[in-house]
Amino acid sequence: MQPAGLAAFEHRDPKRAGLYSFENRPQELPPEFAKRLRADKKAWAFFEAQPTGYRRTAIFLVVSAKLDATRLRRLEHLSACSARDERIPQLLSTPRRSAARTRQR
């Protein structure tokens, strides 16, 4: 880093750190949700084996819902997908096409 950058870093305001939404996202599932996911050993093993970026995004998808019912539904969806050794379809980098759609082409 250049001296000007080091000086700016040294004089930063700690109160301004963590203001952006990406800095405030949860890093782990809330304890009650983690307990539910751990109850299914296969789902938990698959989830834990995934890269950190996927886990963080999946956690955010679950806990960002406003309603408790939606959070629980998303957690159940995460658990079901993980138990099948699959990632949540919404978080796949390339969407999977159904067999019917690919046959039409």
PDB file of N, CA and C in Angstrom:
ATOM      1  N   MET A   1       0.844  -1.172   0.000  1.00  0.00           N
ATOM      2  CA  MET A   1       0.000   0.000   0.000  1.00  0.00           C
ATOM      3  C   MET A   1       0.893   1.240   0.000  1.00  0.00           C
ATOM      4  N   GLN A   2       0.416   2.265  -0.626  1.00  0.00           N
ATOM      5  CA  GLN A   2       1.158   3.522  -0.686  1.00  0.00           C
ATOM      6  C   GLN A   2       1.022   4.280   0.644  1.00  0.00           C
ATOM      7  N   PRO A   3       1.958   5.204   0.942  1.00  0.00           N
ATOM      8  CA  PRO A   3       1.882   5.956   2.196  1.00  0.00           C
ATOM      9  C   PRO A   3       0.556   6.712   2.369  1.00  0.00           C
ATOM     10  N   ALA A   4       0.027   7.266   1.278  1.00  0.00           N
ATOM     11  CA  ALA A   4      -1.246   7.988   1.391  1.00  0.00           C
ATOM     12  C   ALA A   4      -2.376   7.041   1.791  1.00  0.00           C
ATOM     13  N   GLY A   5      -2.377   5.822   1.242  1.00  0.00           N
ATOM     14  CA  GLY A   5      -3.397   4.830   1.590  1.00  0.00           C
ATOM     15  C   GLY A   5      -3.276   4.370   3.027  1.00  0.00           C
ATOM     16  N   LEU A   6      -2.028   4.173   3.479  1.00  0.00           N
ATOM     17  CA  LEU A   6      -1.808   3.785   4.868  1.00  0.00           C
ATOM     18  C   LEU A   6      -2.283   4.879   5.821  1.00  0.00           C
ATOM     19  N   ALA A   7      -2.001   6.136   5.465  1.00  0.00           N
ATOM     20  CA  ALA A   7      -2.432   7.258   6.307  1.00  0.00           C
ATOM     21  C   ALA A   7      -3.955   7.331   6.359  1.00  0.00           C
ATOM     22  N   ALA A   8      -4.606   7.149   5.227  1.00  0.00           N
ATOM     23  CA  ALA A   8      -6.073   7.174   5.202  1.00  0.00           C
ATOM     24  C   ALA A   8      -6.642   6.035   6.047  1.00  0.00           C
ATOM     25  N   PHE A   9      -6.022   4.866   5.967  1.00  0.00           N
ATOM     26  CA  PHE A   9      -6.489   3.720   6.753  1.00  0.00           C
ATOM     27  C   PHE A   9      -6.332   3.990   8.246  1.00  0.00           C
ATOM     28  N   GLU A  10      -5.218   4.577   8.634  1.00  0.00           N
ATOM     29  CA  GLU A  10      -4.962   4.888  10.045  1.00  0.00           C
ATOM     30  C   GLU A  10      -5.949   5.917  10.597  1.00  0.00           C
ATOM     31  N   HIS A  11      -6.432   6.814   9.752  1.00  0.00           N
ATOM     32  CA  HIS A  11      -7.322   7.887  10.208  1.00  0.00           C
ATOM     33  C   HIS A  11      -8.797   7.597   9.948  1.00  0.00           C
ATOM     34  N   ARG A  12      -9.119   6.346   9.617  1.00  0.00           N
ATOM     35  CA  ARG A  12     -10.519   6.013   9.333  1.00  0.00           C
ATOM     36  C   ARG A  12     -11.358   6.109  10.617  1.00  0.00           C
ATOM     37  N   ASP A  13     -12.650   6.319  10.430  1.00  0.00           N
ATOM     38  CA  ASP A  13     -13.569   6.441  11.559  1.00  0.00           C
ATOM     39  C   ASP A  13     -14.189   5.069  11.826  1.00  0.00           C
ATOM     40  N   PRO A  14     -13.899   4.445  12.977  1.00  0.00           N
ATOM     41  CA  PRO A  14     -14.443   3.110  13.252  1.00  0.00           C
ATOM     42  C   PRO A  14     -15.974   3.086  13.302  1.00  0.00           C
ATOM     43  N   LYS A  15     -16.600   4.214  13.590  1.00  0.00           N
ATOM     44  CA  LYS A  15     -18.063   4.280  13.643  1.00  0.00           C
ATOM     45  C   LYS A  15     -18.674   4.093  12.261  1.00  0.00           C
ATOM     46  N   ARG A  16     -17.892   4.372  11.215  1.00  0.00           N
ATOM     47  CA  ARG A  16     -18.397   4.255   9.846  1.00  0.00           C
ATOM     48  C   ARG A  16     -18.234   2.834   9.282  1.00  0.00           C
ATOM     49  N   ALA A  17     -17.554   1.974   9.999  1.00  0.00           N
ATOM     50  CA  ALA A  17     -17.342   0.605   9.532  1.00  0.00           C
ATOM     51  C   ALA A  17     -18.621  -0.210   9.725  1.00  0.00           C
ATOM     52  N   GLY A  18     -18.887  -1.111   8.821  1.00  0.00           N
ATOM     53  CA  GLY A  18     -20.038  -2.000   8.939  1.00  0.00           C
ATOM     54  C   GLY A  18     -21.369  -1.370   8.583  1.00  0.00           C
ATOM     55  N   LEU A  19     -21.372  -0.309   7.792  1.00  0.00           N
ATOM     56  CA  LEU A  19     -22.618   0.363   7.443  1.00  0.00           C
ATOM     57  C   LEU A  19     -23.355  -0.292   6.283  1.00  0.00           C
ATOM     58  N   TYR A  20     -22.633  -0.976   5.444  1.00  0.00           N
ATOM     59  CA  TYR A  20     -23.237  -1.517   4.229  1.00  0.00           C
ATOM     60  C   TYR A  20     -23.911  -2.855   4.502  1.00  0.00           C
ATOM     61  N   SER A  21     -24.953  -3.153   3.746  1.00  0.00           N
ATOM     62  CA  SER A  21     -25.724  -4.372   3.993  1.00  0.00           C
ATOM     63  C   SER A  21     -24.870  -5.621   3.860  1.00  0.00           C
ATOM     64  N   PHE A  22     -23.942  -5.643   2.911  1.00  0.00           N
ATOM     65  CA  PHE A  22     -23.120  -6.839   2.743  1.00  0.00           C
ATOM     66  C   PHE A  22     -22.192  -7.058   3.924  1.00  0.00           C
ATOM     67  N   GLU A  23     -21.931  -6.011   4.702  1.00  0.00           N
ATOM     68  CA  GLU A  23     -21.082  -6.146   5.879  1.00  0.00           C
ATOM     69  C   GLU A  23     -21.866  -6.618   7.104  1.00  0.00           C
ATOM     70  N   ASN A  24     -23.179  -6.556   7.034  1.00  0.00           N
ATOM     71  CA  ASN A  24     -24.015  -6.893   8.176  1.00  0.00           C
ATOM     72  C   ASN A  24     -24.765  -8.207   8.014  1.00  0.00           C
ATOM     73  N   ARG A  25     -24.495  -8.926   6.966  1.00  0.00           N
ATOM     74  CA  ARG A  25     -25.192 -10.194   6.751  1.00  0.00           C
ATOM     75  C   ARG A  25     -24.740 -11.216   7.783  1.00  0.00           C
ATOM     76  N   PRO A  26     -25.680 -12.069   8.201  1.00  0.00           N
ATOM     77  CA  PRO A  26     -25.309 -13.091   9.192  1.00  0.00           C
ATOM     78  C   PRO A  26     -24.322 -14.093   8.598  1.00  0.00           C
ATOM     79  N   GLN A  27     -23.373 -14.505   9.392  1.00  0.00           N
ATOM     80  CA  GLN A  27     -22.355 -15.455   8.947  1.00  0.00           C
ATOM     81  C   GLN A  27     -22.736 -16.888   9.298  1.00  0.00           C
ATOM     82  N   GLU A  28     -23.649 -17.044  10.271  1.00  0.00           N
ATOM     83  CA  GLU A  28     -24.058 -18.370  10.713  1.00  0.00           C
ATOM     84  C   GLU A  28     -25.569 -18.403  10.879  1.00  0.00           C
ATOM     85  N   LEU A  29     -26.112 -19.608  10.841  1.00  0.00           N
ATOM     86  CA  LEU A  29     -27.539 -19.768  11.092  1.00  0.00           C
ATOM     87  C   LEU A  29     -27.825 -19.473  12.571  1.00  0.00           C
ATOM     88  N   PRO A  30     -28.978 -18.898  12.859  1.00  0.00           N
ATOM     89  CA  PRO A  30     -29.351 -18.744  14.268  1.00  0.00           C
ATOM     90  C   PRO A  30     -29.368 -20.129  14.937  1.00  0.00           C
ATOM     91  N   PRO A  31     -29.072 -20.194  16.216  1.00  0.00           N
ATOM     92  CA  PRO A  31     -28.939 -21.499  16.893  1.00  0.00           C
ATOM     93  C   PRO A  31     -30.134 -22.435  16.709  1.00  0.00           C
ATOM     94  N   GLU A  32     -31.356 -21.907  16.777  1.00  0.00           N
ATOM     95  CA  GLU A  32     -32.522 -22.790  16.637  1.00  0.00           C
ATOM     96  C   GLU A  32     -32.639 -23.348  15.221  1.00  0.00           C
ATOM     97  N   PHE A  33     -32.209 -22.579  14.210  1.00  0.00           N
ATOM     98  CA  PHE A  33     -32.238 -23.058  12.832  1.00  0.00           C
ATOM     99  C   PHE A  33     -31.118 -24.073  12.601  1.00  0.00           C
ATOM    100  N   ALA A  34     -29.952 -23.797  13.154  1.00  0.00           N
ATOM    101  CA  ALA A  34     -28.829 -24.729  13.017  1.00  0.00           C
ATOM    102  C   ALA A  34     -29.172 -26.075  13.655  1.00  0.00           C
ATOM    103  N   LYS A  35     -29.859 -26.028  14.784  1.00  0.00           N
ATOM    104  CA  LYS A  35     -30.257 -27.268  15.469  1.00  0.00           C
ATOM    105  C   LYS A  35     -31.196 -28.087  14.582  1.00  0.00           C
ATOM    106  N   ARG A  36     -32.136 -27.407  13.907  1.00  0.00           N
ATOM    107  CA  ARG A  36     -33.065 -28.111  13.011  1.00  0.00           C
ATOM    108  C   ARG A  36     -32.322 -28.727  11.832  1.00  0.00           C
ATOM    109  N   LEU A  37     -31.373 -27.986  11.262  1.00  0.00           N
ATOM    110  CA  LEU A  37     -30.634 -28.508  10.116  1.00  0.00           C
ATOM    111  C   LEU A  37     -29.719 -29.655  10.542  1.00  0.00           C
ATOM    112  N   ARG A  38     -29.112 -29.551  11.728  1.00  0.00           N
ATOM    113  CA  ARG A  38     -28.234 -30.618  12.227  1.00  0.00           C
ATOM    114  C   ARG A  38     -29.007 -31.907  12.519  1.00  0.00           C
ATOM    115  N   ALA A  39     -30.314 -31.797  12.748  1.00  0.00           N
ATOM    116  CA  ALA A  39     -31.122 -32.978  13.044  1.00  0.00           C
ATOM    117  C   ALA A  39     -31.088 -33.973  11.883  1.00  0.00           C
ATOM    118  N   ASP A  40     -30.947 -33.475  10.671  1.00  0.00           N
ATOM    119  CA  ASP A  40     -30.806 -34.342   9.497  1.00  0.00           C
ATOM    120  C   ASP A  40     -29.311 -34.439   9.186  1.00  0.00           C
ATOM    121  N   LYS A  41     -28.714 -35.536   9.594  1.00  0.00           N
ATOM    122  CA  LYS A  41     -27.249 -35.706   9.480  1.00  0.00           C
ATOM    123  C   LYS A  41     -26.752 -35.559   8.042  1.00  0.00           C
ATOM    124  N   LYS A  42     -27.481 -36.145   7.086  1.00  0.00           N
ATOM    125  CA  LYS A  42     -27.042 -36.084   5.694  1.00  0.00           C
ATOM    126  C   LYS A  42     -27.109 -34.648   5.172  1.00  0.00           C
ATOM    127  N   ALA A  43     -28.190 -33.946   5.497  1.00  0.00           N
ATOM    128  CA  ALA A  43     -28.342 -32.559   5.053  1.00  0.00           C
ATOM    129  C   ALA A  43     -27.249 -31.682   5.663  1.00  0.00           C
ATOM    130  N   TRP A  44     -26.975 -31.889   6.939  1.00  0.00           N
ATOM    131  CA  TRP A  44     -25.954 -31.082   7.614  1.00  0.00           C
ATOM    132  C   TRP A  44     -24.573 -31.355   7.018  1.00  0.00           C
ATOM    133  N   ALA A  45     -24.268 -32.609   6.748  1.00  0.00           N
ATOM    134  CA  ALA A  45     -22.961 -32.953   6.174  1.00  0.00           C
ATOM    135  C   ALA A  45     -22.794 -32.306   4.804  1.00  0.00           C
ATOM    136  N   PHE A  46     -23.839 -32.351   3.970  1.00  0.00           N
ATOM    137  CA  PHE A  46     -23.759 -31.718   2.651  1.00  0.00           C
ATOM    138  C   PHE A  46     -23.589 -30.215   2.793  1.00  0.00           C
ATOM    139  N   PHE A  47     -24.388 -29.588   3.653  1.00  0.00           N
ATOM    140  CA  PHE A  47     -24.326 -28.138   3.835  1.00  0.00           C
ATOM    141  C   PHE A  47     -22.945 -27.703   4.318  1.00  0.00           C
ATOM    142  N   GLU A  48     -22.396 -28.417   5.267  1.00  0.00           N
ATOM    143  CA  GLU A  48     -21.070 -28.083   5.803  1.00  0.00           C
ATOM    144  C   GLU A  48     -19.960 -28.290   4.772  1.00  0.00           C
ATOM    145  N   ALA A  49     -20.182 -29.184   3.811  1.00  0.00           N
ATOM    146  CA  ALA A  49     -19.163 -29.457   2.794  1.00  0.00           C
ATOM    147  C   ALA A  49     -19.150 -28.407   1.685  1.00  0.00           C
ATOM    148  N   GLN A  50     -20.162 -27.540   1.647  1.00  0.00           N
ATOM    149  CA  GLN A  50     -20.254 -26.531   0.586  1.00  0.00           C
ATOM    150  C   GLN A  50     -19.282 -25.377   0.846  1.00  0.00           C
ATOM    151  N   PRO A  51     -18.907 -24.663  -0.214  1.00  0.00           N
ATOM    152  CA  PRO A  51     -18.015 -23.519  -0.048  1.00  0.00           C
ATOM    153  C   PRO A  51     -18.653 -22.437   0.822  1.00  0.00           C
ATOM    154  N   THR A  52     -17.826 -21.656   1.452  1.00  0.00           N
ATOM    155  CA  THR A  52     -18.286 -20.608   2.353  1.00  0.00           C
ATOM    156  C   THR A  52     -19.248 -19.644   1.673  1.00  0.00           C
ATOM    157  N   GLY A  53     -18.976 -19.280   0.436  1.00  0.00           N
ATOM    158  CA  GLY A  53     -19.839 -18.340  -0.279  1.00  0.00           C
ATOM    159  C   GLY A  53     -21.253 -18.863  -0.448  1.00  0.00           C
ATOM    160  N   TYR A  54     -21.384 -20.137  -0.764  1.00  0.00           N
ATOM    161  CA  TYR A  54     -22.721 -20.731  -0.895  1.00  0.00           C
ATOM    162  C   TYR A  54     -23.421 -20.754   0.450  1.00  0.00           C
ATOM    163  N   ARG A  55     -22.698 -21.187   1.499  1.00  0.00           N
ATOM    164  CA  ARG A  55     -23.310 -21.271   2.831  1.00  0.00           C
ATOM    165  C   ARG A  55     -23.802 -19.901   3.298  1.00  0.00           C
ATOM    166  N   ARG A  56     -22.970 -18.876   3.106  1.00  0.00           N
ATOM    167  CA  ARG A  56     -23.378 -17.523   3.519  1.00  0.00           C
ATOM    168  C   ARG A  56     -24.609 -17.048   2.764  1.00  0.00           C
ATOM    169  N   THR A  57     -24.639 -17.307   1.462  1.00  0.00           N
ATOM    170  CA  THR A  57     -25.776 -16.883   0.647  1.00  0.00           C
ATOM    171  C   THR A  57     -27.033 -17.646   1.038  1.00  0.00           C
ATOM    172  N   ALA A  58     -26.905 -18.945   1.281  1.00  0.00           N
ATOM    173  CA  ALA A  58     -28.053 -19.751   1.693  1.00  0.00           C
ATOM    174  C   ALA A  58     -28.572 -19.296   3.056  1.00  0.00           C
ATOM    175  N   ILE A  59     -27.666 -19.000   3.969  1.00  0.00           N
ATOM    176  CA  ILE A  59     -28.070 -18.503   5.287  1.00  0.00           C
ATOM    177  C   ILE A  59     -28.810 -17.189   5.141  1.00  0.00           C
ATOM    178  N   PHE A  60     -28.292 -16.296   4.311  1.00  0.00           N
ATOM    179  CA  PHE A  60     -28.957 -15.010   4.116  1.00  0.00           C
ATOM    180  C   PHE A  60     -30.340 -15.202   3.501  1.00  0.00           C
ATOM    181  N   LEU A  61     -30.456 -16.136   2.564  1.00  0.00           N
ATOM    182  CA  LEU A  61     -31.763 -16.411   1.956  1.00  0.00           C
ATOM    183  C   LEU A  61     -32.763 -16.833   3.024  1.00  0.00           C
ATOM    184  N   VAL A  62     -32.334 -17.658   3.956  1.00  0.00           N
ATOM    185  CA  VAL A  62     -33.231 -18.145   5.007  1.00  0.00           C
ATOM    186  C   VAL A  62     -33.583 -17.033   5.989  1.00  0.00           C
ATOM    187  N   VAL A  63     -32.594 -16.351   6.527  1.00  0.00           N
ATOM    188  CA  VAL A  63     -32.862 -15.400   7.620  1.00  0.00           C
ATOM    189  C   VAL A  63     -33.342 -14.036   7.142  1.00  0.00           C
ATOM    190  N   SER A  64     -33.266 -13.750   5.860  1.00  0.00           N
ATOM    191  CA  SER A  64     -33.685 -12.428   5.381  1.00  0.00           C
ATOM    192  C   SER A  64     -35.191 -12.299   5.218  1.00  0.00           C
ATOM    193  N   ALA A  65     -35.913 -13.413   5.297  1.00  0.00           N
ATOM    194  CA  ALA A  65     -37.368 -13.354   5.164  1.00  0.00           C
ATOM    195  C   ALA A  65     -37.963 -12.584   6.336  1.00  0.00           C
ATOM    196  N   LYS A  66     -39.019 -11.836   6.071  1.00  0.00           N
ATOM    197  CA  LYS A  66     -39.639 -11.020   7.113  1.00  0.00           C
ATOM    198  C   LYS A  66     -40.519 -11.831   8.059  1.00  0.00           C
ATOM    199  N   LEU A  67     -41.208 -12.811   7.512  1.00  0.00           N
ATOM    200  CA  LEU A  67     -42.130 -13.600   8.331  1.00  0.00           C
ATOM    201  C   LEU A  67     -41.467 -14.872   8.840  1.00  0.00           C
ATOM    202  N   ASP A  68     -41.805 -15.256  10.067  1.00  0.00           N
ATOM    203  CA  ASP A  68     -41.267 -16.489  10.636  1.00  0.00           C
ATOM    204  C   ASP A  68     -41.634 -17.695   9.779  1.00  0.00           C
ATOM    205  N   ALA A  69     -42.867 -17.707   9.297  1.00  0.00           N
ATOM    206  CA  ALA A  69     -43.318 -18.835   8.475  1.00  0.00           C
ATOM    207  C   ALA A  69     -42.472 -18.968   7.210  1.00  0.00           C
ATOM    208  N   THR A  70     -42.119 -17.854   6.618  1.00  0.00           N
ATOM    209  CA  THR A  70     -41.290 -17.884   5.408  1.00  0.00           C
ATOM    210  C   THR A  70     -39.881 -18.357   5.736  1.00  0.00           C
ATOM    211  N   ARG A  71     -39.323 -17.896   6.842  1.00  0.00           N
ATOM    212  CA  ARG A  71     -37.987 -18.349   7.253  1.00  0.00           C
ATOM    213  C   ARG A  71     -37.980 -19.861   7.467  1.00  0.00           C
ATOM    214  N   LEU A  72     -39.004 -20.372   8.148  1.00  0.00           N
ATOM    215  CA  LEU A  72     -39.073 -21.810   8.392  1.00  0.00           C
ATOM    216  C   LEU A  72     -39.248 -22.591   7.091  1.00  0.00           C
ATOM    217  N   ARG A  73     -40.068 -22.077   6.184  1.00  0.00           N
ATOM    218  CA  ARG A  73     -40.265 -22.740   4.896  1.00  0.00           C
ATOM    219  C   ARG A  73     -38.948 -22.777   4.114  1.00  0.00           C
ATOM    220  N   ARG A  74     -38.213 -21.679   4.126  1.00  0.00           N
ATOM    221  CA  ARG A  74     -36.925 -21.635   3.421  1.00  0.00           C
ATOM    222  C   ARG A  74     -35.916 -22.564   4.067  1.00  0.00           C
ATOM    223  N   LEU A  75     -35.937 -22.655   5.399  1.00  0.00           N
ATOM    224  CA  LEU A  75     -35.038 -23.574   6.091  1.00  0.00           C
ATOM    225  C   LEU A  75     -35.359 -25.020   5.720  1.00  0.00           C
ATOM    226  N   GLU A  76     -36.647 -25.354   5.660  1.00  0.00           N
ATOM    227  CA  GLU A  76     -37.054 -26.698   5.261  1.00  0.00           C
ATOM    228  C   GLU A  76     -36.630 -26.989   3.824  1.00  0.00           C
ATOM    229  N   HIS A  77     -36.728 -25.990   2.964  1.00  0.00           N
ATOM    230  CA  HIS A  77     -36.299 -26.158   1.569  1.00  0.00           C
ATOM    231  C   HIS A  77     -34.787 -26.388   1.505  1.00  0.00           C
ATOM    232  N   LEU A  78     -34.039 -25.620   2.268  1.00  0.00           N
ATOM    233  CA  LEU A  78     -32.582 -25.796   2.340  1.00  0.00           C
ATOM    234  C   LEU A  78     -32.253 -27.193   2.840  1.00  0.00           C
ATOM    235  N   SER A  79     -32.936 -27.635   3.877  1.00  0.00           N
ATOM    236  CA  SER A  79     -32.693 -28.958   4.445  1.00  0.00           C
ATOM    237  C   SER A  79     -33.032 -30.059   3.441  1.00  0.00           C
ATOM    238  N   ALA A  80     -34.166 -29.925   2.748  1.00  0.00           N
ATOM    239  CA  ALA A  80     -34.576 -30.942   1.778  1.00  0.00           C
ATOM    240  C   ALA A  80     -33.591 -31.024   0.616  1.00  0.00           C
ATOM    241  N   CYS A  81     -33.173 -29.870   0.099  1.00  0.00           N
ATOM    242  CA  CYS A  81     -32.202 -29.867  -1.007  1.00  0.00           C
ATOM    243  C   CYS A  81     -30.872 -30.465  -0.553  1.00  0.00           C
ATOM    244  N   SER A  82     -30.432 -30.077   0.639  1.00  0.00           N
ATOM    245  CA  SER A  82     -29.155 -30.588   1.150  1.00  0.00           C
ATOM    246  C   SER A  82     -29.215 -32.090   1.385  1.00  0.00           C
ATOM    247  N   ALA A  83     -30.353 -32.596   1.836  1.00  0.00           N
ATOM    248  CA  ALA A  83     -30.505 -34.038   2.069  1.00  0.00           C
ATOM    249  C   ALA A  83     -30.419 -34.817   0.764  1.00  0.00           C
ATOM    250  N   ARG A  84     -30.780 -34.164  -0.349  1.00  0.00           N
ATOM    251  CA  ARG A  84     -30.668 -34.805  -1.672  1.00  0.00           C
ATOM    252  C   ARG A  84     -29.313 -34.532  -2.323  1.00  0.00           C
ATOM    253  N   ASP A  85     -28.396 -33.949  -1.572  1.00  0.00           N
ATOM    254  CA  ASP A  85     -27.070 -33.570  -2.086  1.00  0.00           C
ATOM    255  C   ASP A  85     -27.186 -32.589  -3.244  1.00  0.00           C
ATOM    256  N   GLU A  86     -28.094 -31.638  -3.112  1.00  0.00           N
ATOM    257  CA  GLU A  86     -28.296 -30.606  -4.127  1.00  0.00           C
ATOM    258  C   GLU A  86     -28.221 -29.234  -3.464  1.00  0.00           C
ATOM    259  N   ARG A  87     -27.816 -28.277  -4.242  1.00  0.00           N
ATOM    260  CA  ARG A  87     -27.869 -26.893  -3.782  1.00  0.00           C
ATOM    261  C   ARG A  87     -29.259 -26.339  -4.051  1.00  0.00           C
ATOM    262  N   ILE A  88     -29.614 -25.269  -3.357  1.00  0.00           N
ATOM    263  CA  ILE A  88     -30.899 -24.621  -3.577  1.00  0.00           C
ATOM    264  C   ILE A  88     -30.918 -24.106  -5.012  1.00  0.00           C
ATOM    265  N   PRO A  89     -31.953 -24.436  -5.794  1.00  0.00           N
ATOM    266  CA  PRO A  89     -31.986 -24.038  -7.204  1.00  0.00           C
ATOM    267  C   PRO A  89     -31.838 -22.533  -7.428  1.00  0.00           C
ATOM    268  N   GLN A  90     -32.389 -21.704  -6.543  1.00  0.00           N
ATOM    269  CA  GLN A  90     -32.276 -20.251  -6.715  1.00  0.00           C
ATOM    270  C   GLN A  90     -30.829 -19.779  -6.648  1.00  0.00           C
ATOM    271  N   LEU A  91     -29.959 -20.562  -6.020  1.00  0.00           N
ATOM    272  CA  LEU A  91     -28.578 -20.136  -5.829  1.00  0.00           C
ATOM    273  C   LEU A  91     -27.601 -20.764  -6.813  1.00  0.00           C
ATOM    274  N   LEU A  92     -28.117 -21.528  -7.766  1.00  0.00           N
ATOM    275  CA  LEU A  92     -27.239 -22.114  -8.776  1.00  0.00           C
ATOM    276  C   LEU A  92     -26.772 -21.030  -9.733  1.00  0.00           C
ATOM    277  N   SER A  93     -25.528 -21.100 -10.138  1.00  0.00           N
ATOM    278  CA  SER A  93     -24.992 -20.087 -11.056  1.00  0.00           C
ATOM    279  C   SER A  93     -25.605 -20.223 -12.439  1.00  0.00           C
ATOM    280  N   THR A  94     -25.925 -21.441 -12.852  1.00  0.00           N
ATOM    281  CA  THR A  94     -26.615 -21.642 -14.125  1.00  0.00           C
ATOM    282  C   THR A  94     -27.880 -22.433 -13.830  1.00  0.00           C
ATOM    283  N   PRO A  95     -29.035 -21.882 -14.157  1.00  0.00           N
ATOM    284  CA  PRO A  95     -30.280 -22.581 -13.848  1.00  0.00           C
ATOM    285  C   PRO A  95     -30.382 -23.902 -14.587  1.00  0.00           C
ATOM    286  N   ARG A  96     -30.916 -24.878 -13.916  1.00  0.00           N
ATOM    287  CA  ARG A  96     -31.125 -26.185 -14.554  1.00  0.00           C
ATOM    288  C   ARG A  96     -32.422 -26.130 -15.333  1.00  0.00           C
ATOM    289  N   ARG A  97     -32.402 -26.715 -16.497  1.00  0.00           N
ATOM    290  CA  ARG A  97     -33.612 -26.785 -17.305  1.00  0.00           C
ATOM    291  C   ARG A  97     -34.314 -28.091 -17.018  1.00  0.00           C
ATOM    292  N   SER A  98     -35.620 -28.034 -17.012  1.00  0.00           N
ATOM    293  CA  SER A  98     -36.366 -29.271 -16.810  1.00  0.00           C
ATOM    294  C   SER A  98     -36.210 -30.148 -18.054  1.00  0.00           C
ATOM    295  N   ALA A  99     -36.421 -31.433 -17.901  1.00  0.00           N
ATOM    296  CA  ALA A  99     -36.287 -32.363 -19.024  1.00  0.00           C
ATOM    297  C   ALA A  99     -37.289 -32.025 -20.124  1.00  0.00           C
ATOM    298  N   ALA A 100     -38.478 -31.578 -19.731  1.00  0.00           N
ATOM    299  CA  ALA A 100     -39.505 -31.223 -20.718  1.00  0.00           C
ATOM    300  C   ALA A 100     -39.064 -30.047 -21.570  1.00  0.00           C
ATOM    301  N   ARG A 101     -38.447 -29.068 -20.970  1.00  0.00           N
ATOM    302  CA  ARG A 101     -38.012 -27.887 -21.729  1.00  0.00           C
ATOM    303  C   ARG A 101     -36.889 -28.226 -22.681  1.00  0.00           C
ATOM    304  N   THR A 102     -35.980 -29.092 -22.278  1.00  0.00           N
ATOM    305  CA  THR A 102     -34.865 -29.412 -23.164  1.00  0.00           C
ATOM    306  C   THR A 102     -35.306 -30.284 -24.328  1.00  0.00           C
ATOM    307  N   ARG A 103     -36.355 -31.108 -24.134  1.00  0.00           N
ATOM    308  CA  ARG A 103     -36.859 -31.935 -25.229  1.00  0.00           C
ATOM    309  C   ARG A 103     -37.559 -31.090 -26.285  1.00  0.00           C
ATOM    310  N   GLN A 104     -38.129 -29.962 -25.892  1.00  0.00           N
ATOM    311  CA  GLN A 104     -38.863 -29.107 -26.824  1.00  0.00           C
ATOM    312  C   GLN A 104     -37.932 -28.455 -27.831  1.00  0.00           C
ATOM    313  N   ARG A 105     -36.717 -28.277 -27.499  1.00  0.00           N
ATOM    314  CA  ARG A 105     -35.780 -27.550 -28.383  1.00  0.00           C
ATOM    315  C   ARG A 105     -35.271 -28.382 -29.484  1.00  0.00           C
TER     316      ARG A 105
END
